[in-house]
Amino acid sequence: MNRAFCVPEGTKYMVIMVQNGEGCDYTIGCGVKVEPLKARTVEDARAEAQRIITLDGYLERDGAVYKAVLVTAHEDLPVESWKAGLKAVREAEEAEEQRGRELAELERLKAKYGK
């Protein structure tokens, strides 16, 4: 699967940086950068985020960062499980609709042939 953003295994913290202005175009997420951090404590995460934002030039370029948020990566969400559950619901709905169509057809044929 091609992933636009993949959090490295074991990541505890990430920094979300938002650029100044209205964004760069009409692309979803344009002007927002999410950077996984290697830090293991919140203090180290703050220091690492500051280092990235200041030393990598995010404060000095066009569209400079005006807001940064430190987030904790608590857990991976079970998206595949949600997808499987949704698929099962959709299949059950389709089966029920098919059953309704078949019963309607049965009633139509009974009326036509009188049985």
PDB file of N, CA and C in Angstrom:
ATOM      1  N   MET A   1       0.847  -1.178   0.000  1.00  0.00           N
ATOM      2  CA  MET A   1       0.000   0.000   0.000  1.00  0.00           C
ATOM      3  C   MET A   1       0.889   1.237   0.000  1.00  0.00           C
ATOM      4  N   ASN A   2       0.561   2.203  -0.814  1.00  0.00           N
ATOM      5  CA  ASN A   2       1.297   3.456  -0.868  1.00  0.00           C
ATOM      6  C   ASN A   2       0.752   4.384   0.210  1.00  0.00           C
ATOM      7  N   ARG A   3       1.594   4.787   1.132  1.00  0.00           N
ATOM      8  CA  ARG A   3       1.157   5.653   2.221  1.00  0.00           C
ATOM      9  C   ARG A   3       1.798   7.014   2.078  1.00  0.00           C
ATOM     10  N   ALA A   4       0.989   8.057   2.129  1.00  0.00           N
ATOM     11  CA  ALA A   4       1.511   9.418   2.050  1.00  0.00           C
ATOM     12  C   ALA A   4       2.279   9.763   3.319  1.00  0.00           C
ATOM     13  N   PHE A   5       1.874   9.214   4.437  1.00  0.00           N
ATOM     14  CA  PHE A   5       2.538   9.482   5.697  1.00  0.00           C
ATOM     15  C   PHE A   5       2.557   8.195   6.492  1.00  0.00           C
ATOM     16  N   CYS A   6       3.713   7.789   6.906  1.00  0.00           N
ATOM     17  CA  CYS A   6       3.845   6.561   7.680  1.00  0.00           C
ATOM     18  C   CYS A   6       4.638   6.876   8.935  1.00  0.00           C
ATOM     19  N   VAL A   7       4.090   6.557  10.088  1.00  0.00           N
ATOM     20  CA  VAL A   7       4.766   6.791  11.358  1.00  0.00           C
ATOM     21  C   VAL A   7       5.688   5.614  11.626  1.00  0.00           C
ATOM     22  N   PRO A   8       6.979   5.890  11.836  1.00  0.00           N
ATOM     23  CA  PRO A   8       7.902   4.803  12.142  1.00  0.00           C
ATOM     24  C   PRO A   8       7.497   4.061  13.417  1.00  0.00           C
ATOM     25  N   GLU A   9       7.697   2.777  13.435  1.00  0.00           N
ATOM     26  CA  GLU A   9       7.381   1.942  14.595  1.00  0.00           C
ATOM     27  C   GLU A   9       8.045   2.513  15.840  1.00  0.00           C
ATOM     28  N   GLY A  10       7.312   2.583  16.919  1.00  0.00           N
ATOM     29  CA  GLY A  10       7.860   3.056  18.183  1.00  0.00           C
ATOM     30  C   GLY A  10       7.813   4.564  18.384  1.00  0.00           C
ATOM     31  N   THR A  11       7.276   5.304  17.419  1.00  0.00           N
ATOM     32  CA  THR A  11       7.192   6.761  17.550  1.00  0.00           C
ATOM     33  C   THR A  11       6.215   7.109  18.668  1.00  0.00           C
ATOM     34  N   LYS A  12       6.683   7.955  19.599  1.00  0.00           N
ATOM     35  CA  LYS A  12       5.831   8.399  20.702  1.00  0.00           C
ATOM     36  C   LYS A  12       5.314   9.815  20.511  1.00  0.00           C
ATOM     37  N   TYR A  13       6.077  10.638  19.789  1.00  0.00           N
ATOM     38  CA  TYR A  13       5.709  12.045  19.635  1.00  0.00           C
ATOM     39  C   TYR A  13       5.867  12.477  18.181  1.00  0.00           C
ATOM     40  N   MET A  14       5.028  13.447  17.799  1.00  0.00           N
ATOM     41  CA  MET A  14       5.129  14.052  16.478  1.00  0.00           C
ATOM     42  C   MET A  14       4.888  15.543  16.630  1.00  0.00           C
ATOM     43  N   VAL A  15       5.439  16.316  15.711  1.00  0.00           N
ATOM     44  CA  VAL A  15       5.156  17.741  15.678  1.00  0.00           C
ATOM     45  C   VAL A  15       4.409  18.038  14.378  1.00  0.00           C
ATOM     46  N   ILE A  16       3.328  18.783  14.508  1.00  0.00           N
ATOM     47  CA  ILE A  16       2.561  19.230  13.353  1.00  0.00           C
ATOM     48  C   ILE A  16       2.887  20.700  13.169  1.00  0.00           C
ATOM     49  N   MET A  17       3.389  21.050  11.985  1.00  0.00           N
ATOM     50  CA  MET A  17       3.768  22.428  11.693  1.00  0.00           C
ATOM     51  C   MET A  17       2.825  22.979  10.633  1.00  0.00           C
ATOM     52  N   VAL A  18       2.346  24.192  10.869  1.00  0.00           N
ATOM     53  CA  VAL A  18       1.429  24.846   9.942  1.00  0.00           C
ATOM     54  C   VAL A  18       2.103  26.107   9.428  1.00  0.00           C
ATOM     55  N   GLN A  19       2.134  26.256   8.098  1.00  0.00           N
ATOM     56  CA  GLN A  19       2.811  27.413   7.520  1.00  0.00           C
ATOM     57  C   GLN A  19       1.945  28.662   7.601  1.00  0.00           C
ATOM     58  N   ASN A  20       2.602  29.782   7.563  1.00  0.00           N
ATOM     59  CA  ASN A  20       1.950  31.081   7.573  1.00  0.00           C
ATOM     60  C   ASN A  20       1.198  31.286   6.262  1.00  0.00           C
ATOM     61  N   GLY A  21       0.103  31.995   6.301  1.00  0.00           N
ATOM     62  CA  GLY A  21      -0.643  32.294   5.083  1.00  0.00           C
ATOM     63  C   GLY A  21      -1.773  31.328   4.841  1.00  0.00           C
ATOM     64  N   GLU A  22      -2.270  31.369   3.622  1.00  0.00           N
ATOM     65  CA  GLU A  22      -3.443  30.591   3.232  1.00  0.00           C
ATOM     66  C   GLU A  22      -3.113  29.202   2.705  1.00  0.00           C
ATOM     67  N   GLY A  23      -1.868  28.790   2.728  1.00  0.00           N
ATOM     68  CA  GLY A  23      -1.489  27.513   2.141  1.00  0.00           C
ATOM     69  C   GLY A  23      -0.880  27.747   0.781  1.00  0.00           C
ATOM     70  N   CYS A  24      -0.436  26.703   0.127  1.00  0.00           N
ATOM     71  CA  CYS A  24       0.294  26.888  -1.128  1.00  0.00           C
ATOM     72  C   CYS A  24      -0.570  26.651  -2.363  1.00  0.00           C
ATOM     73  N   ASP A  25      -1.638  25.891  -2.247  1.00  0.00           N
ATOM     74  CA  ASP A  25      -2.549  25.670  -3.379  1.00  0.00           C
ATOM     75  C   ASP A  25      -3.816  25.013  -2.836  1.00  0.00           C
ATOM     76  N   TYR A  26      -4.535  24.346  -3.672  1.00  0.00           N
ATOM     77  CA  TYR A  26      -5.778  23.738  -3.226  1.00  0.00           C
ATOM     78  C   TYR A  26      -5.625  22.281  -2.815  1.00  0.00           C
ATOM     79  N   THR A  27      -4.402  21.823  -2.654  1.00  0.00           N
ATOM     80  CA  THR A  27      -4.145  20.449  -2.248  1.00  0.00           C
ATOM     81  C   THR A  27      -4.494  20.272  -0.777  1.00  0.00           C
ATOM     82  N   ILE A  28      -5.179  19.204  -0.449  1.00  0.00           N
ATOM     83  CA  ILE A  28      -5.488  18.918   0.949  1.00  0.00           C
ATOM     84  C   ILE A  28      -4.183  18.714   1.710  1.00  0.00           C
ATOM     85  N   GLY A  29      -4.044  19.389   2.818  1.00  0.00           N
ATOM     86  CA  GLY A  29      -2.853  19.253   3.642  1.00  0.00           C
ATOM     87  C   GLY A  29      -1.705  20.137   3.210  1.00  0.00           C
ATOM     88  N   CYS A  30      -1.878  20.893   2.153  1.00  0.00           N
ATOM     89  CA  CYS A  30      -0.817  21.780   1.707  1.00  0.00           C
ATOM     90  C   CYS A  30      -0.592  22.827   2.787  1.00  0.00           C
ATOM     91  N   GLY A  31       0.640  23.050   3.149  1.00  0.00           N
ATOM     92  CA  GLY A  31       0.959  24.008   4.193  1.00  0.00           C
ATOM     93  C   GLY A  31       1.005  23.386   5.575  1.00  0.00           C
ATOM     94  N   VAL A  32       0.815  22.074   5.650  1.00  0.00           N
ATOM     95  CA  VAL A  32       0.886  21.362   6.928  1.00  0.00           C
ATOM     96  C   VAL A  32       1.914  20.249   6.783  1.00  0.00           C
ATOM     97  N   LYS A  33       2.829  20.174   7.746  1.00  0.00           N
ATOM     98  CA  LYS A  33       3.836  19.123   7.727  1.00  0.00           C
ATOM     99  C   LYS A  33       3.803  18.409   9.066  1.00  0.00           C
ATOM    100  N   VAL A  34       3.792  17.088   9.026  1.00  0.00           N
ATOM    101  CA  VAL A  34       3.826  16.268  10.232  1.00  0.00           C
ATOM    102  C   VAL A  34       5.176  15.569  10.257  1.00  0.00           C
ATOM    103  N   GLU A  35       5.892  15.768  11.342  1.00  0.00           N
ATOM    104  CA  GLU A  35       7.240  15.213  11.467  1.00  0.00           C
ATOM    105  C   GLU A  35       7.292  14.286  12.678  1.00  0.00           C
ATOM    106  N   PRO A  36       7.544  12.980  12.466  1.00  0.00           N
ATOM    107  CA  PRO A  36       7.713  12.077  13.603  1.00  0.00           C
ATOM    108  C   PRO A  36       9.008  12.431  14.345  1.00  0.00           C
ATOM    109  N   LEU A  37       8.976  12.306  15.660  1.00  0.00           N
ATOM    110  CA  LEU A  37      10.145  12.621  16.478  1.00  0.00           C
ATOM    111  C   LEU A  37      10.722  11.348  17.076  1.00  0.00           C
ATOM    112  N   LYS A  38      12.009  11.372  17.381  1.00  0.00           N
ATOM    113  CA  LYS A  38      12.682  10.215  17.981  1.00  0.00           C
ATOM    114  C   LYS A  38      12.652  10.248  19.500  1.00  0.00           C
ATOM    115  N   ALA A  39      12.214  11.357  20.063  1.00  0.00           N
ATOM    116  CA  ALA A  39      12.230  11.568  21.514  1.00  0.00           C
ATOM    117  C   ALA A  39      11.405  10.518  22.248  1.00  0.00           C
ATOM    118  N   ARG A  40      11.805  10.237  23.482  1.00  0.00           N
ATOM    119  CA  ARG A  40      11.084   9.276  24.317  1.00  0.00           C
ATOM    120  C   ARG A  40      10.351   9.969  25.471  1.00  0.00           C
ATOM    121  N   THR A  41      10.675  11.237  25.747  1.00  0.00           N
ATOM    122  CA  THR A  41      10.002  11.997  26.795  1.00  0.00           C
ATOM    123  C   THR A  41       9.446  13.274  26.184  1.00  0.00           C
ATOM    124  N   VAL A  42       8.460  13.862  26.863  1.00  0.00           N
ATOM    125  CA  VAL A  42       7.842  15.082  26.344  1.00  0.00           C
ATOM    126  C   VAL A  42       8.853  16.229  26.316  1.00  0.00           C
ATOM    127  N   GLU A  43       9.741  16.281  27.313  1.00  0.00           N
ATOM    128  CA  GLU A  43      10.763  17.337  27.332  1.00  0.00           C
ATOM    129  C   GLU A  43      11.692  17.206  26.133  1.00  0.00           C
ATOM    130  N   ASP A  44      12.138  15.984  25.861  1.00  0.00           N
ATOM    131  CA  ASP A  44      13.009  15.745  24.703  1.00  0.00           C
ATOM    132  C   ASP A  44      12.265  16.017  23.399  1.00  0.00           C
ATOM    133  N   ALA A  45      10.967  15.723  23.373  1.00  0.00           N
ATOM    134  CA  ALA A  45      10.167  15.971  22.164  1.00  0.00           C
ATOM    135  C   ALA A  45      10.067  17.465  21.888  1.00  0.00           C
ATOM    136  N   ARG A  46       9.859  18.256  22.938  1.00  0.00           N
ATOM    137  CA  ARG A  46       9.811  19.716  22.758  1.00  0.00           C
ATOM    138  C   ARG A  46      11.142  20.228  22.209  1.00  0.00           C
ATOM    139  N   ALA A  47      12.233  19.752  22.792  1.00  0.00           N
ATOM    140  CA  ALA A  47      13.566  20.192  22.346  1.00  0.00           C
ATOM    141  C   ALA A  47      13.829  19.760  20.907  1.00  0.00           C
ATOM    142  N   GLU A  48      13.463  18.540  20.556  1.00  0.00           N
ATOM    143  CA  GLU A  48      13.669  18.046  19.192  1.00  0.00           C
ATOM    144  C   GLU A  48      12.819  18.841  18.194  1.00  0.00           C
ATOM    145  N   ALA A  49      11.571  19.135  18.557  1.00  0.00           N
ATOM    146  CA  ALA A  49      10.705  19.932  17.685  1.00  0.00           C
ATOM    147  C   ALA A  49      11.302  21.322  17.480  1.00  0.00           C
ATOM    148  N   GLN A  50      11.788  21.927  18.551  1.00  0.00           N
ATOM    149  CA  GLN A  50      12.401  23.256  18.427  1.00  0.00           C
ATOM    150  C   GLN A  50      13.621  23.205  17.520  1.00  0.00           C
ATOM    151  N   ARG A  51      14.415  22.173  17.678  1.00  0.00           N
ATOM    152  CA  ARG A  51      15.611  22.003  16.843  1.00  0.00           C
ATOM    153  C   ARG A  51      15.218  21.876  15.363  1.00  0.00           C
ATOM    154  N   ILE A  52      14.230  21.065  15.082  1.00  0.00           N
ATOM    155  CA  ILE A  52      13.777  20.871  13.692  1.00  0.00           C
ATOM    156  C   ILE A  52      13.266  22.187  13.115  1.00  0.00           C
ATOM    157  N   ILE A  53      12.405  22.855  13.856  1.00  0.00           N
ATOM    158  CA  ILE A  53      11.769  24.078  13.351  1.00  0.00           C
ATOM    159  C   ILE A  53      12.789  25.196  13.159  1.00  0.00           C
ATOM    160  N   THR A  54      13.725  25.343  14.079  1.00  0.00           N
ATOM    161  CA  THR A  54      14.683  26.447  13.973  1.00  0.00           C
ATOM    162  C   THR A  54      15.858  26.104  13.073  1.00  0.00           C
ATOM    163  N   LEU A  55      16.467  24.936  13.251  1.00  0.00           N
ATOM    164  CA  LEU A  55      17.683  24.619  12.500  1.00  0.00           C
ATOM    165  C   LEU A  55      17.412  24.195  11.065  1.00  0.00           C
ATOM    166  N   ASP A  56      16.247  23.640  10.789  1.00  0.00           N
ATOM    167  CA  ASP A  56      15.927  23.237   9.415  1.00  0.00           C
ATOM    168  C   ASP A  56      15.333  24.385   8.606  1.00  0.00           C
ATOM    169  N   GLY A  57      15.285  25.577   9.179  1.00  0.00           N
ATOM    170  CA  GLY A  57      14.883  26.771   8.434  1.00  0.00           C
ATOM    171  C   GLY A  57      13.396  26.996   8.301  1.00  0.00           C
ATOM    172  N   TYR A  58      12.584  26.292   9.060  1.00  0.00           N
ATOM    173  CA  TYR A  58      11.133  26.450   8.926  1.00  0.00           C
ATOM    174  C   TYR A  58      10.638  27.823   9.375  1.00  0.00           C
ATOM    175  N   LEU A  59      11.457  28.589  10.078  1.00  0.00           N
ATOM    176  CA  LEU A  59      11.040  29.924  10.519  1.00  0.00           C
ATOM    177  C   LEU A  59      11.465  31.010   9.556  1.00  0.00           C
ATOM    178  N   GLU A  60      12.315  30.697   8.590  1.00  0.00           N
ATOM    179  CA  GLU A  60      12.918  31.720   7.749  1.00  0.00           C
ATOM    180  C   GLU A  60      12.521  31.658   6.274  1.00  0.00           C
ATOM    181  N   ARG A  61      11.851  30.628   5.852  1.00  0.00           N
ATOM    182  CA  ARG A  61      11.510  30.492   4.429  1.00  0.00           C
ATOM    183  C   ARG A  61      10.136  31.073   4.129  1.00  0.00           C
ATOM    184  N   ASP A  62       9.830  31.179   2.834  1.00  0.00           N
ATOM    185  CA  ASP A  62       8.484  31.581   2.431  1.00  0.00           C
ATOM    186  C   ASP A  62       7.506  30.573   3.015  1.00  0.00           C
ATOM    187  N   GLY A  63       6.392  31.050   3.504  1.00  0.00           N
ATOM    188  CA  GLY A  63       5.430  30.139   4.119  1.00  0.00           C
ATOM    189  C   GLY A  63       5.964  29.593   5.428  1.00  0.00           C
ATOM    190  N   ALA A  64       6.667  30.443   6.184  1.00  0.00           N
ATOM    191  CA  ALA A  64       7.280  30.016   7.439  1.00  0.00           C
ATOM    192  C   ALA A  64       6.236  29.458   8.407  1.00  0.00           C
ATOM    193  N   VAL A  65       6.691  28.600   9.299  1.00  0.00           N
ATOM    194  CA  VAL A  65       5.818  28.022  10.312  1.00  0.00           C
ATOM    195  C   VAL A  65       5.333  29.127  11.240  1.00  0.00           C
ATOM    196  N   TYR A  66       4.023  29.191  11.449  1.00  0.00           N
ATOM    197  CA  TYR A  66       3.495  30.147  12.419  1.00  0.00           C
ATOM    198  C   TYR A  66       2.889  29.431  13.616  1.00  0.00           C
ATOM    199  N   LYS A  67       2.654  28.113  13.469  1.00  0.00           N
ATOM    200  CA  LYS A  67       2.081  27.339  14.559  1.00  0.00           C
ATOM    201  C   LYS A  67       2.649  25.935  14.509  1.00  0.00           C
ATOM    202  N   ALA A  68       2.968  25.411  15.686  1.00  0.00           N
ATOM    203  CA  ALA A  68       3.433  24.031  15.782  1.00  0.00           C
ATOM    204  C   ALA A  68       2.752  23.384  16.979  1.00  0.00           C
ATOM    205  N   VAL A  69       2.329  22.146  16.795  1.00  0.00           N
ATOM    206  CA  VAL A  69       1.633  21.425  17.853  1.00  0.00           C
ATOM    207  C   VAL A  69       2.367  20.112  18.089  1.00  0.00           C
ATOM    208  N   LEU A  70       2.677  19.845  19.339  1.00  0.00           N
ATOM    209  CA  LEU A  70       3.298  18.579  19.714  1.00  0.00           C
ATOM    210  C   LEU A  70       2.177  17.599  20.046  1.00  0.00           C
ATOM    211  N   VAL A  71       2.184  16.449  19.401  1.00  0.00           N
ATOM    212  CA  VAL A  71       1.149  15.446  19.666  1.00  0.00           C
ATOM    213  C   VAL A  71       1.794  14.148  20.127  1.00  0.00           C
ATOM    214  N   THR A  72       1.040  13.426  20.922  1.00  0.00           N
ATOM    215  CA  THR A  72       1.496  12.136  21.411  1.00  0.00           C
ATOM    216  C   THR A  72       0.843  11.052  20.567  1.00  0.00           C
ATOM    217  N   ALA A  73       1.646  10.141  20.081  1.00  0.00           N
ATOM    218  CA  ALA A  73       1.144   9.013  19.297  1.00  0.00           C
ATOM    219  C   ALA A  73       0.846   7.875  20.276  1.00  0.00           C
ATOM    220  N   HIS A  74      -0.397   7.844  20.776  1.00  0.00           N
ATOM    221  CA  HIS A  74      -0.757   6.855  21.780  1.00  0.00           C
ATOM    222  C   HIS A  74      -0.837   5.445  21.223  1.00  0.00           C
ATOM    223  N   GLU A  75      -1.473   5.317  20.093  1.00  0.00           N
ATOM    224  CA  GLU A  75      -1.677   3.978  19.545  1.00  0.00           C
ATOM    225  C   GLU A  75      -2.042   4.063  18.070  1.00  0.00           C
ATOM    226  N   ASP A  76      -1.775   2.996  17.379  1.00  0.00           N
ATOM    227  CA  ASP A  76      -2.253   2.877  16.005  1.00  0.00           C
ATOM    228  C   ASP A  76      -3.720   2.483  16.077  1.00  0.00           C
ATOM    229  N   LEU A  77      -4.525   3.127  15.275  1.00  0.00           N
ATOM    230  CA  LEU A  77      -5.943   2.801  15.243  1.00  0.00           C
ATOM    231  C   LEU A  77      -6.179   1.603  14.327  1.00  0.00           C
ATOM    232  N   PRO A  78      -7.146   0.742  14.659  1.00  0.00           N
ATOM    233  CA  PRO A  78      -7.384  -0.491  13.902  1.00  0.00           C
ATOM    234  C   PRO A  78      -8.179  -0.261  12.619  1.00  0.00           C
ATOM    235  N   VAL A  79      -7.621   0.503  11.703  1.00  0.00           N
ATOM    236  CA  VAL A  79      -8.333   0.886  10.479  1.00  0.00           C
ATOM    237  C   VAL A  79      -8.721  -0.347   9.650  1.00  0.00           C
ATOM    238  N   GLU A  80      -7.827  -1.317   9.546  1.00  0.00           N
ATOM    239  CA  GLU A  80      -8.152  -2.523   8.754  1.00  0.00           C
ATOM    240  C   GLU A  80      -9.333  -3.265   9.358  1.00  0.00           C
ATOM    241  N   SER A  81      -9.395  -3.307  10.677  1.00  0.00           N
ATOM    242  CA  SER A  81     -10.524  -3.951  11.348  1.00  0.00           C
ATOM    243  C   SER A  81     -11.810  -3.175  11.080  1.00  0.00           C
ATOM    244  N   TRP A  82     -11.724  -1.844  11.114  1.00  0.00           N
ATOM    245  CA  TRP A  82     -12.893  -1.018  10.812  1.00  0.00           C
ATOM    246  C   TRP A  82     -13.351  -1.265   9.386  1.00  0.00           C
ATOM    247  N   LYS A  83     -12.384  -1.384   8.470  1.00  0.00           N
ATOM    248  CA  LYS A  83     -12.717  -1.620   7.065  1.00  0.00           C
ATOM    249  C   LYS A  83     -13.436  -2.961   6.904  1.00  0.00           C
ATOM    250  N   ALA A  84     -12.943  -3.991   7.595  1.00  0.00           N
ATOM    251  CA  ALA A  84     -13.571  -5.308   7.514  1.00  0.00           C
ATOM    252  C   ALA A  84     -14.987  -5.263   8.087  1.00  0.00           C
ATOM    253  N   GLY A  85     -15.164  -4.545   9.186  1.00  0.00           N
ATOM    254  CA  GLY A  85     -16.489  -4.415   9.787  1.00  0.00           C
ATOM    255  C   GLY A  85     -17.452  -3.693   8.866  1.00  0.00           C
ATOM    256  N   LEU A  86     -16.982  -2.621   8.242  1.00  0.00           N
ATOM    257  CA  LEU A  86     -17.814  -1.873   7.305  1.00  0.00           C
ATOM    258  C   LEU A  86     -18.190  -2.739   6.102  1.00  0.00           C
ATOM    259  N   LYS A  87     -17.219  -3.518   5.618  1.00  0.00           N
ATOM    260  CA  LYS A  87     -17.490  -4.408   4.479  1.00  0.00           C
ATOM    261  C   LYS A  87     -18.567  -5.424   4.847  1.00  0.00           C
ATOM    262  N   ALA A  88     -18.499  -5.982   6.057  1.00  0.00           N
ATOM    263  CA  ALA A  88     -19.496  -6.953   6.501  1.00  0.00           C
ATOM    264  C   ALA A  88     -20.886  -6.316   6.579  1.00  0.00           C
ATOM    265  N   VAL A  89     -20.949  -5.078   7.076  1.00  0.00           N
ATOM    266  CA  VAL A  89     -22.231  -4.373   7.145  1.00  0.00           C
ATOM    267  C   VAL A  89     -22.780  -4.145   5.740  1.00  0.00           C
ATOM    268  N   ARG A  90     -21.921  -3.684   4.827  1.00  0.00           N
ATOM    269  CA  ARG A  90     -22.368  -3.426   3.447  1.00  0.00           C
ATOM    270  C   ARG A  90     -22.839  -4.718   2.774  1.00  0.00           C
ATOM    271  N   GLU A  91     -22.133  -5.820   3.003  1.00  0.00           N
ATOM    272  CA  GLU A  91     -22.535  -7.100   2.412  1.00  0.00           C
ATOM    273  C   GLU A  91     -23.875  -7.558   2.968  1.00  0.00           C
ATOM    274  N   ALA A  92     -24.096  -7.371   4.275  1.00  0.00           N
ATOM    275  CA  ALA A  92     -25.380  -7.743   4.886  1.00  0.00           C
ATOM    276  C   ALA A  92     -26.513  -6.888   4.317  1.00  0.00           C
ATOM    277  N   GLU A  93     -26.240  -5.587   4.129  1.00  0.00           N
ATOM    278  CA  GLU A  93     -27.240  -4.704   3.539  1.00  0.00           C
ATOM    279  C   GLU A  93     -27.574  -5.137   2.115  1.00  0.00           C
ATOM    280  N   GLU A  94     -26.558  -5.463   1.347  1.00  0.00           N
ATOM    281  CA  GLU A  94     -26.770  -5.900  -0.039  1.00  0.00           C
ATOM    282  C   GLU A  94     -27.547  -7.218  -0.072  1.00  0.00           C
ATOM    283  N   ALA A  95     -27.220  -8.135   0.844  1.00  0.00           N
ATOM    284  CA  ALA A  95     -27.938  -9.413   0.899  1.00  0.00           C
ATOM    285  C   ALA A  95     -29.414  -9.183   1.236  1.00  0.00           C
ATOM    286  N   GLU A  96     -29.684  -8.261   2.153  1.00  0.00           N
ATOM    287  CA  GLU A  96     -31.069  -7.954   2.520  1.00  0.00           C
ATOM    288  C   GLU A  96     -31.813  -7.312   1.348  1.00  0.00           C
ATOM    289  N   GLU A  97     -31.149  -6.427   0.633  1.00  0.00           N
ATOM    290  CA  GLU A  97     -31.775  -5.810  -0.542  1.00  0.00           C
ATOM    291  C   GLU A  97     -32.050  -6.864  -1.611  1.00  0.00           C
ATOM    292  N   GLN A  98     -31.113  -7.777  -1.814  1.00  0.00           N
ATOM    293  CA  GLN A  98     -31.290  -8.855  -2.797  1.00  0.00           C
ATOM    294  C   GLN A  98     -32.463  -9.737  -2.403  1.00  0.00           C
ATOM    295  N   ARG A  99     -32.560 -10.061  -1.118  1.00  0.00           N
ATOM    296  CA  ARG A  99     -33.672 -10.876  -0.623  1.00  0.00           C
ATOM    297  C   ARG A  99     -35.001 -10.164  -0.889  1.00  0.00           C
ATOM    298  N   GLY A 100     -35.038  -8.851  -0.636  1.00  0.00           N
ATOM    299  CA  GLY A 100     -36.253  -8.071  -0.901  1.00  0.00           C
ATOM    300  C   GLY A 100     -36.634  -8.116  -2.370  1.00  0.00           C
ATOM    301  N   ARG A 101     -35.636  -7.989  -3.249  1.00  0.00           N
ATOM    302  CA  ARG A 101     -35.914  -8.049  -4.694  1.00  0.00           C
ATOM    303  C   ARG A 101     -36.449  -9.430  -5.080  1.00  0.00           C
ATOM    304  N   GLU A 102     -35.848 -10.478  -4.517  1.00  0.00           N
ATOM    305  CA  GLU A 102     -36.281 -11.840  -4.845  1.00  0.00           C
ATOM    306  C   GLU A 102     -37.697 -12.117  -4.341  1.00  0.00           C
ATOM    307  N   LEU A 103     -38.019 -11.633  -3.129  1.00  0.00           N
ATOM    308  CA  LEU A 103     -39.378 -11.829  -2.611  1.00  0.00           C
ATOM    309  C   LEU A 103     -40.398 -11.065  -3.451  1.00  0.00           C
ATOM    310  N   ALA A 104     -40.028  -9.863  -3.868  1.00  0.00           N
ATOM    311  CA  ALA A 104     -40.927  -9.107  -4.741  1.00  0.00           C
ATOM    312  C   ALA A 104     -41.144  -9.842  -6.056  1.00  0.00           C
ATOM    313  N   GLU A 105     -40.100 -10.411  -6.597  1.00  0.00           N
ATOM    314  CA  GLU A 105     -40.205 -11.180  -7.845  1.00  0.00           C
ATOM    315  C   GLU A 105     -41.080 -12.410  -7.633  1.00  0.00           C
ATOM    316  N   LEU A 106     -40.920 -13.072  -6.481  1.00  0.00           N
ATOM    317  CA  LEU A 106     -41.736 -14.240  -6.161  1.00  0.00           C
ATOM    318  C   LEU A 106     -43.213 -13.860  -6.101  1.00  0.00           C
ATOM    319  N   GLU A 107     -43.512 -12.755  -5.439  1.00  0.00           N
ATOM    320  CA  GLU A 107     -44.905 -12.296  -5.357  1.00  0.00           C
ATOM    321  C   GLU A 107     -45.450 -11.944  -6.739  1.00  0.00           C
ATOM    322  N   ARG A 108     -44.621 -11.335  -7.568  1.00  0.00           N
ATOM    323  CA  ARG A 108     -45.040 -10.984  -8.926  1.00  0.00           C
ATOM    324  C   ARG A 108     -45.376 -12.247  -9.715  1.00  0.00           C
ATOM    325  N   LEU A 109     -44.500 -13.275  -9.596  1.00  0.00           N
ATOM    326  CA  LEU A 109     -44.728 -14.518 -10.333  1.00  0.00           C
ATOM    327  C   LEU A 109     -45.961 -15.269  -9.802  1.00  0.00           C
ATOM    328  N   LYS A 110     -46.175 -15.242  -8.474  1.00  0.00           N
ATOM    329  CA  LYS A 110     -47.374 -15.879  -7.902  1.00  0.00           C
ATOM    330  C   LYS A 110     -48.635 -15.212  -8.470  1.00  0.00           C
ATOM    331  N   ALA A 111     -48.583 -13.881  -8.509  1.00  0.00           N
ATOM    332  CA  ALA A 111     -49.757 -13.161  -9.027  1.00  0.00           C
ATOM    333  C   ALA A 111     -49.978 -13.475 -10.493  1.00  0.00           C
ATOM    334  N   LYS A 112     -48.874 -13.598 -11.248  1.00  0.00           N
ATOM    335  CA  LYS A 112     -48.984 -13.854 -12.683  1.00  0.00           C
ATOM    336  C   LYS A 112     -49.494 -15.250 -12.964  1.00  0.00           C
ATOM    337  N   TYR A 113     -49.008 -16.261 -12.208  1.00  0.00           N
ATOM    338  CA  TYR A 113     -49.375 -17.639 -12.501  1.00  0.00           C
ATOM    339  C   TYR A 113     -50.405 -18.197 -11.528  1.00  0.00           C
ATOM    340  N   GLY A 114     -50.865 -17.385 -10.591  1.00  0.00           N
ATOM    341  CA  GLY A 114     -51.948 -17.758  -9.709  1.00  0.00           C
ATOM    342  C   GLY A 114     -51.634 -18.852  -8.717  1.00  0.00           C
ATOM    343  N   LYS A 115     -50.421 -18.906  -8.204  1.00  0.00           N
ATOM    344  CA  LYS A 115     -50.115 -19.941  -7.217  1.00  0.00           C
ATOM    345  C   LYS A 115     -49.686 -19.348  -5.919  1.00  0.00           C
TER     346      LYS A 115
END
